Amino acid sequence: MSHPRWVPPNGGAQRNLQPPRVVMFRARIKSLLCIGCGECLAVCKQGVFRKTAEGKAEVSNGDRCKGCLDCFAVCRTRAIHILPGKSISRMR
């Protein structure tokens, strides 16, 4: 006896399904505090930041942040904040 094959709701069309990405950290920059020194761009190995037209840093790929805190350590004005990602559940 054969079992019926499960067909996805999209009619069985093959898609490139990837597992959900776990985001552990997110980088944020307070643009009013940023002086545009570029130190965060120089130390970030993940490519999280880019320069704006005004010359200040902004987060371009915040999901790539690994939480190493190198950018936080070099920021003179403390404009950078590293926050926990959405997928972290709090322990009770």
C-alpha atoms as a PDB file:
ATOM      1  CA  MET A   1       0.000   0.000   0.000  1.00  0.00           C
ATOM      2  CA  SER A   2       1.539   3.302  -1.013  1.00  0.00           C
ATOM      3  CA  HIS A   3       1.122   6.466   0.991  1.00  0.00           C
ATOM      4  CA  PRO A   4      -0.225   9.571  -0.693  1.00  0.00           C
ATOM      5  CA  ARG A   5       2.473  12.082  -1.489  1.00  0.00           C
ATOM      6  CA  TRP A   6       2.179  15.467   0.195  1.00  0.00           C
ATOM      7  CA  VAL A   7       1.886  18.316  -2.293  1.00  0.00           C
ATOM      8  CA  PRO A   8       2.664  21.849  -1.132  1.00  0.00           C
ATOM      9  CA  PRO A   9      -0.090  24.458  -1.478  1.00  0.00           C
ATOM     10  CA  ASN A  10       1.686  26.118  -4.422  1.00  0.00           C
ATOM     11  CA  GLY A  11       0.824  23.153  -6.615  1.00  0.00           C
ATOM     12  CA  GLY A  12       4.079  21.300  -6.145  1.00  0.00           C
ATOM     13  CA  ALA A  13       6.328  23.851  -7.834  1.00  0.00           C
ATOM     14  CA  GLN A  14       9.920  23.365  -6.754  1.00  0.00           C
ATOM     15  CA  ARG A  15      11.387  26.329  -4.914  1.00  0.00           C
ATOM     16  CA  ASN A  16      14.777  26.879  -3.421  1.00  0.00           C
ATOM     17  CA  LEU A  17      13.774  26.568   0.219  1.00  0.00           C
ATOM     18  CA  GLN A  18      16.401  27.632   2.700  1.00  0.00           C
ATOM     19  CA  PRO A  19      16.216  27.263   6.453  1.00  0.00           C
ATOM     20  CA  PRO A  20      15.338  30.424   8.357  1.00  0.00           C
ATOM     21  CA  ARG A  21      18.354  32.510   9.245  1.00  0.00           C
ATOM     22  CA  VAL A  22      18.986  33.051  12.917  1.00  0.00           C
ATOM     23  CA  VAL A  23      19.771  36.689  13.602  1.00  0.00           C
ATOM     24  CA  MET A  24      21.657  36.887  16.885  1.00  0.00           C
ATOM     25  CA  PHE A  25      22.602  40.564  16.771  1.00  0.00           C
ATOM     26  CA  ARG A  26      21.543  43.769  15.036  1.00  0.00           C
ATOM     27  CA  ALA A  27      23.655  46.888  14.683  1.00  0.00           C
ATOM     28  CA  ARG A  28      22.121  50.356  14.993  1.00  0.00           C
ATOM     29  CA  ILE A  29      23.634  53.831  14.541  1.00  0.00           C
ATOM     30  CA  LYS A  30      22.284  57.052  16.017  1.00  0.00           C
ATOM     31  CA  SER A  31      22.864  59.376  13.077  1.00  0.00           C
ATOM     32  CA  LEU A  32      22.790  62.511  15.241  1.00  0.00           C
ATOM     33  CA  LEU A  33      25.800  61.242  17.189  1.00  0.00           C
ATOM     34  CA  CYS A  34      27.800  59.969  14.192  1.00  0.00           C
ATOM     35  CA  ILE A  35      30.631  62.319  13.156  1.00  0.00           C
ATOM     36  CA  GLY A  36      31.547  60.379  10.005  1.00  0.00           C
ATOM     37  CA  CYS A  37      35.034  59.288  11.057  1.00  0.00           C
ATOM     38  CA  GLY A  38      34.681  55.949   9.212  1.00  0.00           C
ATOM     39  CA  GLU A  39      36.342  53.856  11.923  1.00  0.00           C
ATOM     40  CA  CYS A  40      33.382  51.474  12.093  1.00  0.00           C
ATOM     41  CA  LEU A  41      33.579  50.844   8.345  1.00  0.00           C
ATOM     42  CA  ALA A  42      37.278  50.070   8.657  1.00  0.00           C
ATOM     43  CA  VAL A  43      36.986  47.515  11.469  1.00  0.00           C
ATOM     44  CA  CYS A  44      33.775  45.714  10.473  1.00  0.00           C
ATOM     45  CA  LYS A  45      34.691  42.445   8.741  1.00  0.00           C
ATOM     46  CA  GLN A  46      31.030  41.631   7.959  1.00  0.00           C
ATOM     47  CA  GLY A  47      30.235  44.708   5.854  1.00  0.00           C
ATOM     48  CA  VAL A  48      27.450  45.924   8.107  1.00  0.00           C
ATOM     49  CA  PHE A  49      28.023  49.656   7.525  1.00  0.00           C
ATOM     50  CA  ARG A  50      28.249  52.067   4.587  1.00  0.00           C
ATOM     51  CA  LYS A  51      28.709  55.828   4.201  1.00  0.00           C
ATOM     52  CA  THR A  52      25.780  58.083   3.411  1.00  0.00           C
ATOM     53  CA  ALA A  53      25.830  61.055   1.050  1.00  0.00           C
ATOM     54  CA  GLU A  54      26.425  63.263   4.107  1.00  0.00           C
ATOM     55  CA  GLY A  55      29.538  61.258   4.971  1.00  0.00           C
ATOM     56  CA  LYS A  56      28.060  59.601   8.052  1.00  0.00           C
ATOM     57  CA  ALA A  57      27.879  55.864   8.665  1.00  0.00           C
ATOM     58  CA  GLU A  58      24.633  53.948   8.374  1.00  0.00           C
ATOM     59  CA  VAL A  59      23.675  50.319   8.749  1.00  0.00           C
ATOM     60  CA  SER A  60      23.312  48.684   5.350  1.00  0.00           C
ATOM     61  CA  ASN A  61      23.302  44.988   6.342  1.00  0.00           C
ATOM     62  CA  GLY A  62      22.340  44.878  10.002  1.00  0.00           C
ATOM     63  CA  ASP A  63      21.495  41.169   9.873  1.00  0.00           C
ATOM     64  CA  ARG A  64      25.127  40.313   9.140  1.00  0.00           C
ATOM     65  CA  CYS A  65      26.297  41.571  12.549  1.00  0.00           C
ATOM     66  CA  LYS A  66      28.095  38.851  14.531  1.00  0.00           C
ATOM     67  CA  GLY A  67      28.249  40.817  17.788  1.00  0.00           C
ATOM     68  CA  CYS A  68      32.046  41.146  17.921  1.00  0.00           C
ATOM     69  CA  LEU A  69      31.732  44.739  19.249  1.00  0.00           C
ATOM     70  CA  ASP A  70      34.771  45.973  17.276  1.00  0.00           C
ATOM     71  CA  CYS A  71      32.729  48.861  15.851  1.00  0.00           C
ATOM     72  CA  PHE A  72      31.379  49.716  19.295  1.00  0.00           C
ATOM     73  CA  ALA A  73      34.917  49.829  20.691  1.00  0.00           C
ATOM     74  CA  VAL A  74      36.212  52.288  18.073  1.00  0.00           C
ATOM     75  CA  CYS A  75      33.198  54.625  18.005  1.00  0.00           C
ATOM     76  CA  ARG A  76      34.301  57.877  19.667  1.00  0.00           C
ATOM     77  CA  THR A  77      30.802  59.248  20.155  1.00  0.00           C
ATOM     78  CA  ARG A  78      29.097  55.964  21.154  1.00  0.00           C
ATOM     79  CA  ALA A  79      26.698  56.276  18.205  1.00  0.00           C
ATOM     80  CA  ILE A  80      26.738  52.515  17.581  1.00  0.00           C
ATOM     81  CA  HIS A  81      24.579  50.096  19.509  1.00  0.00           C
ATOM     82  CA  ILE A  82      24.530  46.321  19.183  1.00  0.00           C
ATOM     83  CA  LEU A  83      21.136  44.866  20.049  1.00  0.00           C
ATOM     84  CA  PRO A  84      19.917  41.287  20.385  1.00  0.00           C
ATOM     85  CA  GLY A  85      18.257  39.935  17.252  1.00  0.00           C
ATOM     86  CA  LYS A  86      14.565  39.105  16.913  1.00  0.00           C
ATOM     87  CA  SER A  87      15.098  35.370  17.156  1.00  0.00           C
ATOM     88  CA  ILE A  88      16.517  35.303  20.671  1.00  0.00           C
ATOM     89  CA  SER A  89      14.059  34.118  23.278  1.00  0.00           C
ATOM     90  CA  ARG A  90      14.456  35.216  26.841  1.00  0.00           C
ATOM     91  CA  MET A  91      15.138  32.591  29.469  1.00  0.00           C
ATOM     92  CA  ARG A  92      12.810  32.572  32.461  1.00  0.00           C
END
